């Protein structure tokens, strides 16, 4: 598939998702705690739960969720630059943390949550606003009772890998954490 065709498909997917998302905000904890991970994402995509505010701040959006897989899309911009004129490493990390963490979240039953225990990111090449769009794909490697691991990568529409990551997440019951 050509780079231009991939970019157009990604842009179309983003327009479709953004047309359905509600305002950004935080959902009531008791509502989210009663839903499975997949139900949470279905409600976000339907506009029934608010979109997480971090996406607005960092200019990225979830575009696809299925059990064990989360895909986010983002636009590297100058407002994300470090003093050297490339996208700050924190943007890479935040985008990848969202993808790998949400991949874990898709596996959780109602009443369970997670938190990132460890995130390891390798940045392979710089990003600038000359790259119009990137995707972060996160996939679960293992989902146990208390610990889950996932891996992810940031790709450009040309197939280049800009960064990759692994995470370890702690899984917990909401009743014990509230």
Protein backbone atom coordinates (compact mmCIF):
# COMPACT_ATOMS: atom_id res chain seq x y z
CA UNK A 1 0.00 0.00 0.00
CA UNK A 2 1.32 3.47 -0.83
CA UNK A 3 2.28 5.96 1.86
CA UNK A 4 -0.34 8.42 0.58
CA UNK A 5 -3.09 5.79 0.66
CA UNK A 6 -2.13 4.72 4.19
CA UNK A 7 -2.10 8.34 5.33
CA UNK A 8 -5.55 8.96 3.80
CA UNK A 9 -6.95 5.84 5.50
CA UNK A 10 -5.51 6.90 8.85
CA UNK A 11 -6.91 10.42 8.45
CA UNK A 12 -10.33 9.02 7.56
CA UNK A 13 -10.27 6.72 10.61
CA UNK A 14 -9.39 9.67 12.83
CA UNK A 15 -12.17 11.87 11.41
CA UNK A 16 -14.66 9.05 12.00
CA UNK A 17 -13.57 8.57 15.62
CA UNK A 18 -13.41 12.29 16.40
CA UNK A 19 -16.93 12.77 15.00
CA UNK A 20 -18.25 10.36 17.62
CA UNK A 21 -16.16 11.31 20.66
CA UNK A 22 -17.71 13.49 23.30
CA UNK A 23 -16.02 16.36 25.10
CA UNK A 24 -12.90 15.54 27.04
CA UNK A 25 -13.18 15.05 30.76
CA UNK A 26 -13.18 12.48 33.50
CA UNK A 27 -15.97 9.94 33.95
CA UNK A 28 -17.39 9.25 37.42
CA UNK A 29 -15.25 6.54 39.03
CA UNK A 30 -18.24 4.47 40.14
CA UNK A 31 -19.53 4.32 36.57
CA UNK A 32 -16.20 3.24 35.05
CA UNK A 33 -15.52 0.72 37.84
CA UNK A 34 -18.70 -1.16 36.95
CA UNK A 35 -17.65 -1.67 33.31
CA UNK A 36 -15.24 -4.05 31.60
CA UNK A 37 -12.30 -2.48 29.81
CA UNK A 38 -13.93 -3.07 26.45
CA UNK A 39 -17.21 -1.54 27.69
CA UNK A 40 -15.29 1.58 28.79
CA UNK A 41 -13.77 2.00 25.33
CA UNK A 42 -17.07 1.30 23.56
CA UNK A 43 -18.67 4.03 25.70
CA UNK A 44 -15.85 6.48 24.91
CA UNK A 45 -16.12 5.76 21.17
CA UNK A 46 -19.91 6.22 21.36
CA UNK A 47 -19.55 9.55 23.17
CA UNK A 48 -21.28 8.16 26.28
CA UNK A 49 -18.14 8.64 28.39
CA UNK A 50 -15.84 11.64 27.99
CA UNK A 51 -12.64 11.34 26.00
CA UNK A 52 -9.57 11.43 28.28
CA UNK A 53 -8.15 14.98 28.45
CA UNK A 54 -4.57 13.82 27.78
CA UNK A 55 -5.50 13.27 24.12
CA UNK A 56 -6.44 16.92 23.77
CA UNK A 57 -3.26 18.08 25.49
CA UNK A 58 -0.95 15.87 23.40
CA UNK A 59 -3.07 15.80 20.21
CA UNK A 60 -3.66 12.08 19.94
CA UNK A 61 -6.78 9.96 19.84
CA UNK A 62 -7.67 6.28 20.21
CA UNK A 63 -8.72 4.87 16.84
CA UNK A 64 -9.21 1.15 17.52
CA UNK A 65 -9.65 -1.18 20.49
CA UNK A 66 -10.14 -4.92 20.64
CA UNK A 67 -9.25 -7.41 23.36
CA UNK A 68 -5.49 -7.25 23.81
CA UNK A 69 -4.95 -4.49 21.22
CA UNK A 70 -5.09 -0.69 21.39
CA UNK A 71 -4.27 1.72 18.56
CA UNK A 72 -3.78 5.45 19.02
CA UNK A 73 -3.00 8.07 16.42
CA UNK A 74 -1.21 11.38 16.90
CA UNK A 75 0.11 14.42 15.11
CA UNK A 76 3.65 15.47 16.01
CA UNK A 77 3.68 19.27 16.15
CA UNK A 78 6.11 22.05 16.98
CA UNK A 79 4.34 22.59 20.32
CA UNK A 80 5.68 19.12 21.25
CA UNK A 81 9.29 20.01 20.38
CA UNK A 82 12.28 19.94 22.68
CA UNK A 83 15.00 22.64 22.46
CA UNK A 84 16.77 20.67 19.70
CA UNK A 85 13.86 21.04 17.27
CA UNK A 86 12.37 17.53 17.40
CA UNK A 87 9.43 16.02 19.23
CA UNK A 88 10.17 15.66 22.95
CA UNK A 89 10.72 12.14 24.25
CA UNK A 90 7.87 12.64 26.69
CA UNK A 91 5.43 12.77 23.77
CA UNK A 92 6.70 9.41 22.52
CA UNK A 93 6.41 7.97 26.04
CA UNK A 94 2.91 9.32 26.65
CA UNK A 95 1.61 8.02 23.34
CA UNK A 96 3.17 4.58 23.89
CA UNK A 97 2.05 4.42 27.54
CA UNK A 98 -1.51 5.06 26.36
CA UNK A 99 -1.33 2.34 23.69
CA UNK A 100 0.24 -0.39 25.83
CA UNK A 101 -1.73 0.51 28.96
CA UNK A 102 -5.04 0.58 27.12
CA UNK A 103 -4.20 -2.76 25.47
CA UNK A 104 -4.03 -4.15 29.02
CA UNK A 105 -7.22 -2.28 29.98
CA UNK A 106 -9.13 -4.01 27.15
CA UNK A 107 -8.53 -7.33 28.91
CA UNK A 108 -9.93 -6.33 32.30
CA UNK A 109 -13.26 -7.44 33.71
CA UNK A 110 -15.60 -5.04 35.50
CA UNK A 111 -14.29 -4.01 38.90
CA UNK A 112 -10.61 -4.15 37.97
CA UNK A 113 -8.16 -1.42 37.13
CA UNK A 114 -4.48 -1.16 36.33
CA UNK A 115 -1.53 1.13 36.72
CA UNK A 116 1.79 1.25 34.92
CA UNK A 117 4.60 -0.19 37.02
CA UNK A 118 7.29 0.11 34.39
CA UNK A 119 7.58 1.57 30.92
CA UNK A 120 10.67 1.03 28.78
CA UNK A 121 10.85 3.10 25.59
CA UNK A 122 13.43 3.00 22.80
CA UNK A 123 13.34 5.99 20.46
CA UNK A 124 14.81 4.93 17.13
CA UNK A 125 14.52 8.08 15.04
CA UNK A 126 13.43 11.67 15.62
CA UNK A 127 9.97 12.94 14.88
CA UNK A 128 9.10 16.38 13.55
CA UNK A 129 5.97 17.98 12.20
CA UNK A 130 7.17 16.88 8.72
CA UNK A 131 5.67 13.48 9.63
CA UNK A 132 1.95 14.24 9.34
CA UNK A 133 0.63 11.41 11.50
CA UNK A 134 1.85 8.42 13.48
CA UNK A 135 0.20 5.40 15.02
CA UNK A 136 1.01 3.75 18.32
CA UNK A 137 -0.05 0.11 18.44
CA UNK A 138 -0.05 -1.67 21.78
CA UNK A 139 -0.52 -5.42 22.17
CA UNK A 140 -0.79 -7.55 25.29
CA UNK A 141 1.89 -10.17 25.76
CA UNK A 142 0.55 -11.61 29.04
CA UNK A 143 -2.46 -10.78 31.19
CA UNK A 144 -2.42 -12.52 34.55
CA UNK A 145 -4.37 -12.06 37.74
CA UNK A 146 -2.08 -9.35 39.17
CA UNK A 147 0.41 -8.46 36.44
CA UNK A 148 0.12 -7.82 32.72
CA UNK A 149 2.77 -7.05 30.13
CA UNK A 150 2.41 -5.45 26.72
CA UNK A 151 4.54 -4.15 23.89
CA UNK A 152 4.00 -1.34 21.45
CA UNK A 153 5.51 0.69 18.68
CA UNK A 154 5.07 4.03 16.96
CA UNK A 155 4.83 3.78 13.18
CA UNK A 156 4.68 6.34 10.41
CA UNK A 157 2.42 5.92 7.37
CA UNK A 158 5.55 4.86 5.46
CA UNK A 159 5.97 1.87 7.80
CA UNK A 160 9.03 3.31 9.58
CA UNK A 161 9.26 2.50 13.28
CA UNK A 162 9.99 5.63 15.34
CA UNK A 163 9.96 4.00 18.77
CA UNK A 164 9.01 0.82 20.58
CA UNK A 165 8.17 0.05 24.18
CA UNK A 166 7.34 -2.59 26.74
CA UNK A 167 5.31 -2.18 29.89
CA UNK A 168 4.51 -4.03 33.07
CA UNK A 169 1.16 -3.15 34.64
CA UNK A 170 -0.21 -3.95 38.08
CA UNK A 171 -3.81 -5.19 38.00
CA UNK A 172 -5.96 -4.47 41.07
CA UNK A 173 -9.55 -4.58 42.29
CA UNK A 174 -11.18 -1.14 42.38
CA UNK A 175 -12.87 -1.86 45.71
CA UNK A 176 -9.46 -2.19 47.38
CA UNK A 177 -7.99 0.89 45.69
CA UNK A 178 -10.82 3.39 46.24
